[in-house]
PDB file of N, CA and C in Angstrom:
ATOM      1  N   ALA A   1      35.039  28.758 -23.451  1.00  0.00           N
ATOM      2  CA  ALA A   1      33.954  27.845 -23.092  1.00  0.00           C
ATOM      3  C   ALA A   1      34.531  26.656 -22.328  1.00  0.00           C
ATOM      4  N   ALA A   2      33.776  26.204 -21.370  1.00  0.00           N
ATOM      5  CA  ALA A   2      34.218  25.075 -20.553  1.00  0.00           C
ATOM      6  C   ALA A   2      34.045  23.775 -21.327  1.00  0.00           C
ATOM      7  N   CYS A   3      34.983  22.880 -21.145  1.00  0.00           N
ATOM      8  CA  CYS A   3      34.925  21.580 -21.790  1.00  0.00           C
ATOM      9  C   CYS A   3      34.192  20.615 -20.849  1.00  0.00           C
ATOM     10  N   VAL A   4      33.137  19.986 -21.355  1.00  0.00           N
ATOM     11  CA  VAL A   4      32.377  19.038 -20.540  1.00  0.00           C
ATOM     12  C   VAL A   4      32.689  17.638 -21.036  1.00  0.00           C
ATOM     13  N   LEU A   5      33.252  16.814 -20.180  1.00  0.00           N
ATOM     14  CA  LEU A   5      33.541  15.437 -20.531  1.00  0.00           C
ATOM     15  C   LEU A   5      32.242  14.640 -20.540  1.00  0.00           C
ATOM     16  N   PRO A   6      32.168  13.592 -21.356  1.00  0.00           N
ATOM     17  CA  PRO A   6      30.926  12.805 -21.424  1.00  0.00           C
ATOM     18  C   PRO A   6      30.488  12.251 -20.071  1.00  0.00           C
ATOM     19  N   SER A   7      31.440  11.967 -19.176  1.00  0.00           N
ATOM     20  CA  SER A   7      31.093  11.395 -17.875  1.00  0.00           C
ATOM     21  C   SER A   7      30.578  12.452 -16.894  1.00  0.00           C
ATOM     22  N   GLN A   8      30.712  13.735 -17.240  1.00  0.00           N
ATOM     23  CA  GLN A   8      30.254  14.798 -16.352  1.00  0.00           C
ATOM     24  C   GLN A   8      28.861  15.264 -16.752  1.00  0.00           C
ATOM     25  N   LYS A   9      28.051  15.567 -15.747  1.00  0.00           N
ATOM     26  CA  LYS A   9      26.722  16.103 -16.024  1.00  0.00           C
ATOM     27  C   LYS A   9      26.832  17.609 -16.189  1.00  0.00           C
ATOM     28  N   PRO A  10      25.991  18.199 -17.017  1.00  0.00           N
ATOM     29  CA  PRO A  10      25.959  19.660 -17.076  1.00  0.00           C
ATOM     30  C   PRO A  10      25.569  20.214 -15.702  1.00  0.00           C
ATOM     31  N   LYS A  11      26.066  21.399 -15.398  1.00  0.00           N
ATOM     32  CA  LYS A  11      25.809  21.983 -14.072  1.00  0.00           C
ATOM     33  C   LYS A  11      24.317  22.125 -13.790  1.00  0.00           C
ATOM     34  N   SER A  12      23.543  22.498 -14.815  1.00  0.00           N
ATOM     35  CA  SER A  12      22.102  22.673 -14.590  1.00  0.00           C
ATOM     36  C   SER A  12      21.454  21.355 -14.178  1.00  0.00           C
ATOM     37  N   GLU A  13      21.927  20.237 -14.737  1.00  0.00           N
ATOM     38  CA  GLU A  13      21.393  18.920 -14.359  1.00  0.00           C
ATOM     39  C   GLU A  13      21.812  18.576 -12.934  1.00  0.00           C
ATOM     40  N   LEU A  14      23.047  18.917 -12.570  1.00  0.00           N
ATOM     41  CA  LEU A  14      23.497  18.682 -11.193  1.00  0.00           C
ATOM     42  C   LEU A  14      22.672  19.503 -10.205  1.00  0.00           C
ATOM     43  N   VAL A  15      22.354  20.737 -10.586  1.00  0.00           N
ATOM     44  CA  VAL A  15      21.525  21.579  -9.720  1.00  0.00           C
ATOM     45  C   VAL A  15      20.147  20.952  -9.557  1.00  0.00           C
ATOM     46  N   ARG A  16      19.553  20.507 -10.671  1.00  0.00           N
ATOM     47  CA  ARG A  16      18.220  19.882 -10.590  1.00  0.00           C
ATOM     48  C   ARG A  16      18.249  18.635  -9.716  1.00  0.00           C
ATOM     49  N   THR A  17      19.288  17.813  -9.871  1.00  0.00           N
ATOM     50  CA  THR A  17      19.420  16.599  -9.063  1.00  0.00           C
ATOM     51  C   THR A  17      19.526  16.945  -7.579  1.00  0.00           C
ATOM     52  N   SER A  18      20.337  17.944  -7.258  1.00  0.00           N
ATOM     53  CA  SER A  18      20.500  18.367  -5.861  1.00  0.00           C
ATOM     54  C   SER A  18      19.199  18.907  -5.291  1.00  0.00           C
ATOM     55  N   LEU A  19      18.489  19.701  -6.092  1.00  0.00           N
ATOM     56  CA  LEU A  19      17.219  20.267  -5.637  1.00  0.00           C
ATOM     57  C   LEU A  19      16.172  19.178  -5.431  1.00  0.00           C
ATOM     58  N   ARG A  20      16.171  18.167  -6.303  1.00  0.00           N
ATOM     59  CA  ARG A  20      15.228  17.053  -6.118  1.00  0.00           C
ATOM     60  C   ARG A  20      15.532  16.309  -4.821  1.00  0.00           C
ATOM     61  N   LEU A  21      16.815  16.046  -4.556  1.00  0.00           N
ATOM     62  CA  LEU A  21      17.200  15.368  -3.316  1.00  0.00           C
ATOM     63  C   LEU A  21      16.818  16.213  -2.104  1.00  0.00           C
ATOM     64  N   LEU A  22      17.063  17.497  -2.181  1.00  0.00           N
ATOM     65  CA  LEU A  22      16.734  18.406  -1.088  1.00  0.00           C
ATOM     66  C   LEU A  22      15.233  18.397  -0.818  1.00  0.00           C
ATOM     67  N   THR A  23      14.440  18.500  -1.868  1.00  0.00           N
ATOM     68  CA  THR A  23      12.977  18.540  -1.723  1.00  0.00           C
ATOM     69  C   THR A  23      12.424  17.225  -1.194  1.00  0.00           C
ATOM     70  N   SER A  24      12.840  16.122  -1.795  1.00  0.00           N
ATOM     71  CA  SER A  24      12.317  14.822  -1.357  1.00  0.00           C
ATOM     72  C   SER A  24      12.733  14.514   0.075  1.00  0.00           C
ATOM     73  N   SER A  25      13.953  14.881   0.443  1.00  0.00           N
ATOM     74  CA  SER A  25      14.432  14.631   1.812  1.00  0.00           C
ATOM     75  C   SER A  25      13.670  15.491   2.815  1.00  0.00           C
ATOM     76  N   ALA A  26      13.334  16.708   2.428  1.00  0.00           N
ATOM     77  CA  ALA A  26      12.572  17.590   3.322  1.00  0.00           C
ATOM     78  C   ALA A  26      11.167  17.035   3.547  1.00  0.00           C
ATOM     79  N   TYR A  27      10.531  16.534   2.489  1.00  0.00           N
ATOM     80  CA  TYR A  27       9.212  15.915   2.646  1.00  0.00           C
ATOM     81  C   TYR A  27       9.290  14.681   3.537  1.00  0.00           C
ATOM     82  N   ARG A  28      10.319  13.861   3.322  1.00  0.00           N
ATOM     83  CA  ARG A  28      10.491  12.659   4.153  1.00  0.00           C
ATOM     84  C   ARG A  28      10.723  13.043   5.601  1.00  0.00           C
ATOM     85  N   LEU A  29      11.523  14.078   5.831  1.00  0.00           N
ATOM     86  CA  LEU A  29      11.798  14.531   7.199  1.00  0.00           C
ATOM     87  C   LEU A  29      10.500  14.957   7.880  1.00  0.00           C
ATOM     88  N   GLN A  30       9.687  15.719   7.166  1.00  0.00           N
ATOM     89  CA  GLN A  30       8.411  16.160   7.716  1.00  0.00           C
ATOM     90  C   GLN A  30       7.534  14.958   8.067  1.00  0.00           C
ATOM     91  N   SER A  31       7.476  13.991   7.177  1.00  0.00           N
ATOM     92  CA  SER A  31       6.672  12.788   7.399  1.00  0.00           C
ATOM     93  C   SER A  31       7.165  12.007   8.616  1.00  0.00           C
ATOM     94  N   GLU A  32       8.470  11.824   8.726  1.00  0.00           N
ATOM     95  CA  GLU A  32       9.030  11.068   9.855  1.00  0.00           C
ATOM     96  C   GLU A  32       8.785  11.796  11.180  1.00  0.00           C
ATOM     97  N   CYS A  33       8.893  13.119  11.160  1.00  0.00           N
ATOM     98  CA  CYS A  33       8.656  13.884  12.390  1.00  0.00           C
ATOM     99  C   CYS A  33       7.199  13.786  12.820  1.00  0.00           C
ATOM    100  N   ARG A  34       6.293  13.737  11.846  1.00  0.00           N
ATOM    101  CA  ARG A  34       4.870  13.561  12.180  1.00  0.00           C
ATOM    102  C   ARG A  34       4.632  12.207  12.837  1.00  0.00           C
ATOM    103  N   LYS A  35       5.340  11.177  12.362  1.00  0.00           N
ATOM    104  CA  LYS A  35       5.203   9.842  12.967  1.00  0.00           C
ATOM    105  C   LYS A  35       5.629   9.865  14.428  1.00  0.00           C
ATOM    106  N   ALA A  36       6.607  10.697  14.747  1.00  0.00           N
ATOM    107  CA  ALA A  36       7.135  10.757  16.114  1.00  0.00           C
ATOM    108  C   ALA A  36       6.153  11.436  17.064  1.00  0.00           C
ATOM    109  N   LEU A  37       5.222  12.201  16.510  1.00  0.00           N
ATOM    110  CA  LEU A  37       4.233  12.911  17.321  1.00  0.00           C
ATOM    111  C   LEU A  37       2.830  12.490  16.895  1.00  0.00           C
ATOM    112  N   PRO A  38       2.426  11.259  17.219  1.00  0.00           N
ATOM    113  CA  PRO A  38       1.106  10.804  16.780  1.00  0.00           C
ATOM    114  C   PRO A  38       0.004  11.656  17.409  1.00  0.00           C
ATOM    115  N   ALA A  39      -0.936  12.095  16.584  1.00  0.00           N
ATOM    116  CA  ALA A  39      -2.008  12.974  17.061  1.00  0.00           C
ATOM    117  C   ALA A  39      -3.133  12.171  17.716  1.00  0.00           C
ATOM    118  N   GLU A  40      -3.265  10.918  17.349  1.00  0.00           N
ATOM    119  CA  GLU A  40      -4.360  10.119  17.891  1.00  0.00           C
ATOM    120  C   GLU A  40      -3.816   8.961  18.709  1.00  0.00           C
ATOM    121  N   PRO A  41      -4.632   8.485  19.653  1.00  0.00           N
ATOM    122  CA  PRO A  41      -4.187   7.333  20.441  1.00  0.00           C
ATOM    123  C   PRO A  41      -4.029   6.107  19.540  1.00  0.00           C
ATOM    124  N   GLY A  42      -3.077   5.325  19.843  1.00  0.00           N
ATOM    125  CA  GLY A  42      -2.809   4.138  19.039  1.00  0.00           C
ATOM    126  C   GLY A  42      -1.465   3.583  19.434  1.00  0.00           C
ATOM    127  N   PRO A  43      -0.986   2.638  18.668  1.00  0.00           N
ATOM    128  CA  PRO A  43       0.326   2.066  19.010  1.00  0.00           C
ATOM    129  C   PRO A  43       1.418   3.128  18.893  1.00  0.00           C
ATOM    130  N   ALA A  44       2.302   3.089  19.855  1.00  0.00           N
ATOM    131  CA  ALA A  44       3.402   4.061  19.854  1.00  0.00           C
ATOM    132  C   ALA A  44       4.336   3.764  18.684  1.00  0.00           C
ATOM    133  N   PRO A  45       4.865   4.813  18.058  1.00  0.00           N
ATOM    134  CA  PRO A  45       5.801   4.575  16.952  1.00  0.00           C
ATOM    135  C   PRO A  45       7.101   3.962  17.474  1.00  0.00           C
ATOM    136  N   ASP A  46       7.787   3.251  16.602  1.00  0.00           N
ATOM    137  CA  ASP A  46       9.106   2.708  16.925  1.00  0.00           C
ATOM    138  C   ASP A  46      10.087   3.881  16.870  1.00  0.00           C
ATOM    139  N   MET A  47      10.363   4.455  18.037  1.00  0.00           N
ATOM    140  CA  MET A  47      11.163   5.681  18.079  1.00  0.00           C
ATOM    141  C   MET A  47      12.584   5.473  17.575  1.00  0.00           C
ATOM    142  N   GLN A  48      13.131   4.274  17.760  1.00  0.00           N
ATOM    143  CA  GLN A  48      14.478   4.018  17.252  1.00  0.00           C
ATOM    144  C   GLN A  48      14.486   4.093  15.725  1.00  0.00           C
ATOM    145  N   LEU A  49      13.470   3.494  15.105  1.00  0.00           N
ATOM    146  CA  LEU A  49      13.371   3.521  13.645  1.00  0.00           C
ATOM    147  C   LEU A  49      13.117   4.946  13.151  1.00  0.00           C
ATOM    148  N   VAL A  50      12.190   5.650  13.812  1.00  0.00           N
ATOM    149  CA  VAL A  50      11.889   7.023  13.415  1.00  0.00           C
ATOM    150  C   VAL A  50      13.133   7.894  13.539  1.00  0.00           C
ATOM    151  N   THR A  51      13.873   7.720  14.643  1.00  0.00           N
ATOM    152  CA  THR A  51      15.097   8.499  14.851  1.00  0.00           C
ATOM    153  C   THR A  51      16.108   8.222  13.748  1.00  0.00           C
ATOM    154  N   GLN A  52      16.279   6.965  13.370  1.00  0.00           N
ATOM    155  CA  GLN A  52      17.206   6.611  12.288  1.00  0.00           C
ATOM    156  C   GLN A  52      16.783   7.265  10.979  1.00  0.00           C
ATOM    157  N   GLN A  53      15.468   7.264  10.715  1.00  0.00           N
ATOM    158  CA  GLN A  53      14.967   7.868   9.477  1.00  0.00           C
ATOM    159  C   GLN A  53      15.175   9.384   9.486  1.00  0.00           C
ATOM    160  N   VAL A  54      14.947  10.017  10.635  1.00  0.00           N
ATOM    161  CA  VAL A  54      15.158  11.467  10.747  1.00  0.00           C
ATOM    162  C   VAL A  54      16.623  11.805  10.510  1.00  0.00           C
ATOM    163  N   ILE A  55      17.519  11.017  11.093  1.00  0.00           N
ATOM    164  CA  ILE A  55      18.954  11.245  10.904  1.00  0.00           C
ATOM    165  C   ILE A  55      19.327  11.081   9.430  1.00  0.00           C
ATOM    166  N   GLN A  56      18.781  10.058   8.769  1.00  0.00           N
ATOM    167  CA  GLN A  56      19.076   9.835   7.349  1.00  0.00           C
ATOM    168  C   GLN A  56      18.561  10.996   6.506  1.00  0.00           C
ATOM    169  N   CYS A  57      17.350  11.475   6.809  1.00  0.00           N
ATOM    170  CA  CYS A  57      16.790  12.614   6.061  1.00  0.00           C
ATOM    171  C   CYS A  57      17.661  13.853   6.255  1.00  0.00           C
ATOM    172  N   ALA A  58      18.064  14.098   7.492  1.00  0.00           N
ATOM    173  CA  ALA A  58      18.902  15.264   7.776  1.00  0.00           C
ATOM    174  C   ALA A  58      20.235  15.161   7.032  1.00  0.00           C
ATOM    175  N   TYR A  59      20.793  13.955   6.975  1.00  0.00           N
ATOM    176  CA  TYR A  59      22.039  13.735   6.242  1.00  0.00           C
ATOM    177  C   TYR A  59      21.848  14.035   4.752  1.00  0.00           C
ATOM    178  N   ASP A  60      20.727  13.541   4.188  1.00  0.00           N
ATOM    179  CA  ASP A  60      20.456  13.766   2.766  1.00  0.00           C
ATOM    180  C   ASP A  60      20.258  15.251   2.470  1.00  0.00           C
ATOM    181  N   ILE A  61      19.603  15.973   3.380  1.00  0.00           N
ATOM    182  CA  ILE A  61      19.417  17.414   3.214  1.00  0.00           C
ATOM    183  C   ILE A  61      20.772  18.121   3.229  1.00  0.00           C
ATOM    184  N   ALA A  62      21.616  17.749   4.178  1.00  0.00           N
ATOM    185  CA  ALA A  62      22.952  18.358   4.260  1.00  0.00           C
ATOM    186  C   ALA A  62      23.774  18.043   3.010  1.00  0.00           C
ATOM    187  N   LYS A  63      23.663  16.816   2.517  1.00  0.00           N
ATOM    188  CA  LYS A  63      24.401  16.405   1.317  1.00  0.00           C
ATOM    189  C   LYS A  63      23.953  17.221   0.109  1.00  0.00           C
ATOM    190  N   ALA A  64      22.641  17.370  -0.061  1.00  0.00           N
ATOM    191  CA  ALA A  64      22.114  18.137  -1.186  1.00  0.00           C
ATOM    192  C   ALA A  64      22.518  19.604  -1.081  1.00  0.00           C
ATOM    193  N   ALA A  65      22.473  20.149   0.130  1.00  0.00           N
ATOM    194  CA  ALA A  65      22.862  21.550   0.330  1.00  0.00           C
ATOM    195  C   ALA A  65      24.341  21.738  -0.001  1.00  0.00           C
ATOM    196  N   LYS A  66      25.174  20.783   0.407  1.00  0.00           N
ATOM    197  CA  LYS A  66      26.607  20.870   0.111  1.00  0.00           C
ATOM    198  C   LYS A  66      26.852  20.817  -1.400  1.00  0.00           C
ATOM    199  N   GLN A  67      26.106  19.954  -2.092  1.00  0.00           N
ATOM    200  CA  GLN A  67      26.241  19.865  -3.548  1.00  0.00           C
ATOM    201  C   GLN A  67      25.896  21.202  -4.198  1.00  0.00           C
ATOM    202  N   LEU A  68      24.811  21.816  -3.739  1.00  0.00           N
ATOM    203  CA  LEU A  68      24.394  23.103  -4.303  1.00  0.00           C
ATOM    204  C   LEU A  68      25.445  24.179  -4.049  1.00  0.00           C
ATOM    205  N   VAL A  69      25.993  24.207  -2.845  1.00  0.00           N
ATOM    206  CA  VAL A  69      27.030  25.197  -2.516  1.00  0.00           C
ATOM    207  C   VAL A  69      28.248  24.975  -3.401  1.00  0.00           C
ATOM    208  N   THR A  70      28.648  23.724  -3.570  1.00  0.00           N
ATOM    209  CA  THR A  70      29.811  23.405  -4.396  1.00  0.00           C
ATOM    210  C   THR A  70      29.592  23.837  -5.844  1.00  0.00           C
ATOM    211  N   ILE A  71      28.419  23.531  -6.387  1.00  0.00           N
ATOM    212  CA  ILE A  71      28.115  23.876  -7.779  1.00  0.00           C
ATOM    213  C   ILE A  71      28.102  25.388  -7.959  1.00  0.00           C
ATOM    214  N   THR A  72      27.400  26.092  -7.080  1.00  0.00           N
ATOM    215  CA  THR A  72      27.281  27.548  -7.242  1.00  0.00           C
ATOM    216  C   THR A  72      28.612  28.247  -6.989  1.00  0.00           C
ATOM    217  N   THR A  73      29.423  27.716  -6.083  1.00  0.00           N
ATOM    218  CA  THR A  73      30.744  28.301  -5.834  1.00  0.00           C
ATOM    219  C   THR A  73      31.622  28.163  -7.075  1.00  0.00           C
ATOM    220  N   LYS A  74      31.590  26.985  -7.696  1.00  0.00           N
ATOM    221  CA  LYS A  74      32.377  26.750  -8.916  1.00  0.00           C
ATOM    222  C   LYS A  74      31.890  27.674 -10.040  1.00  0.00           C
ATOM    223  N   GLU A  75      30.560  27.821 -10.167  1.00  0.00           N
ATOM    224  CA  GLU A  75      30.012  28.700 -11.215  1.00  0.00           C
ATOM    225  C   GLU A  75      30.428  30.138 -11.002  1.00  0.00           C
ATOM    226  N   ASN A  76      30.423  30.575  -9.736  1.00  0.00           N
ATOM    227  CA  ASN A  76      30.779  31.963  -9.438  1.00  0.00           C
ATOM    228  C   ASN A  76      32.265  32.229  -9.631  1.00  0.00           C
ATOM    229  N   ASN A  77      33.076  31.188  -9.516  1.00  0.00           N
ATOM    230  CA  ASN A  77      34.530  31.358  -9.667  1.00  0.00           C
ATOM    231  C   ASN A  77      34.977  31.272 -11.127  1.00  0.00           C
ATOM    232  N   ASN A  78      34.085  30.845 -12.003  1.00  0.00           N
ATOM    233  CA  ASN A  78      34.450  30.715 -13.429  1.00  0.00           C
ATOM    234  C   ASN A  78      34.167  32.008 -14.182  1.00  0.00           C
TER     235      ASN A  78
END
Protein backbone atom coordinates (compact mmCIF):
# COMPACT_ATOMS: atom_id res chain seq x y z
CA ALA A 1 0.00 0.00 0.00
CA ALA A 2 1.18 3.49 -0.79
CA CYS A 3 2.06 5.77 2.08
CA VAL A 4 0.21 9.10 1.93
CA LEU A 5 1.82 11.94 3.84
CA PRO A 6 -0.55 14.38 5.57
CA SER A 7 0.58 17.18 3.22
CA GLN A 8 -0.35 15.14 0.13
CA LYS A 9 -3.87 14.95 -1.24
CA PRO A 10 -5.31 11.58 -2.18
CA LYS A 11 -5.10 10.99 -5.93
CA SER A 12 -8.89 10.99 -6.30
CA GLU A 13 -9.03 14.48 -4.74
CA LEU A 14 -6.27 15.67 -7.09
CA VAL A 15 -8.23 14.29 -10.03
CA ARG A 16 -11.39 16.09 -8.87
CA THR A 17 -9.46 19.34 -8.42
CA SER A 18 -7.95 19.05 -11.91
CA LEU A 19 -11.32 18.25 -13.46
CA ARG A 20 -12.92 21.24 -11.72
CA LEU A 21 -10.18 23.53 -13.05
CA LEU A 22 -10.54 22.04 -16.52
CA THR A 23 -14.33 22.47 -16.52
CA SER A 24 -14.39 25.99 -15.09
CA SER A 25 -11.63 27.13 -17.46
CA ALA A 26 -13.49 25.69 -20.45
CA TYR A 27 -16.66 27.57 -19.48
CA ARG A 28 -14.66 30.78 -19.01
CA LEU A 29 -12.97 30.27 -22.39
CA GLN A 30 -16.35 29.86 -24.07
CA SER A 31 -17.65 33.00 -22.36
CA GLU A 32 -14.60 35.08 -23.33
CA CYS A 33 -14.78 33.90 -26.94
CA ARG A 34 -18.44 34.93 -27.09
CA LYS A 35 -17.45 38.41 -25.90
CA ALA A 36 -15.02 38.64 -28.81
CA LEU A 37 -17.84 37.98 -31.28
CA PRO A 38 -20.70 40.25 -30.18
CA ALA A 39 -23.94 39.20 -31.89
CA GLU A 40 -25.65 42.56 -31.50
CA PRO A 41 -24.55 46.09 -32.30
CA GLY A 42 -23.10 47.89 -29.35
CA PRO A 43 -19.80 48.96 -27.91
CA ALA A 44 -16.91 46.94 -29.22
CA PRO A 45 -15.29 44.64 -26.67
CA ASP A 46 -11.86 45.50 -25.30
CA MET A 47 -10.01 43.01 -27.49
CA GLN A 48 -6.77 43.32 -25.54
CA LEU A 49 -8.57 42.34 -22.33
CA VAL A 50 -10.52 39.55 -24.04
CA THR A 51 -7.30 38.22 -25.59
CA GLN A 52 -5.57 38.21 -22.19
CA GLN A 53 -8.52 36.34 -20.67
CA VAL A 54 -8.54 33.78 -23.51
CA ILE A 55 -4.80 33.19 -23.05
CA GLN A 56 -5.28 32.75 -19.28
CA CYS A 57 -8.14 30.28 -19.83
CA ALA A 58 -6.08 28.32 -22.34
CA TYR A 59 -3.18 28.23 -19.86
CA ASP A 60 -5.48 26.96 -17.09
CA ILE A 61 -6.87 24.26 -19.40
CA ALA A 62 -3.35 23.14 -20.31
CA LYS A 63 -2.34 23.15 -16.63
CA ALA A 64 -5.33 21.02 -15.62
CA ALA A 65 -4.73 18.61 -18.50
CA LYS A 66 -1.07 18.26 -17.50
CA GLN A 67 -2.09 17.53 -13.90
CA LEU A 68 -4.47 14.81 -15.08
CA VAL A 69 -1.82 13.24 -17.31
CA THR A 70 0.70 13.30 -14.45
CA ILE A 71 -1.75 11.73 -11.99
CA THR A 72 -2.93 9.00 -14.36
CA THR A 73 0.63 8.22 -15.50
CA LYS A 74 1.74 7.78 -11.88
CA GLU A 75 -1.31 5.58 -11.16
CA ASN A 76 -0.62 3.41 -14.19
CA ASN A 77 3.04 2.99 -13.22
CA ASN A 78 2.22 1.84 -9.67
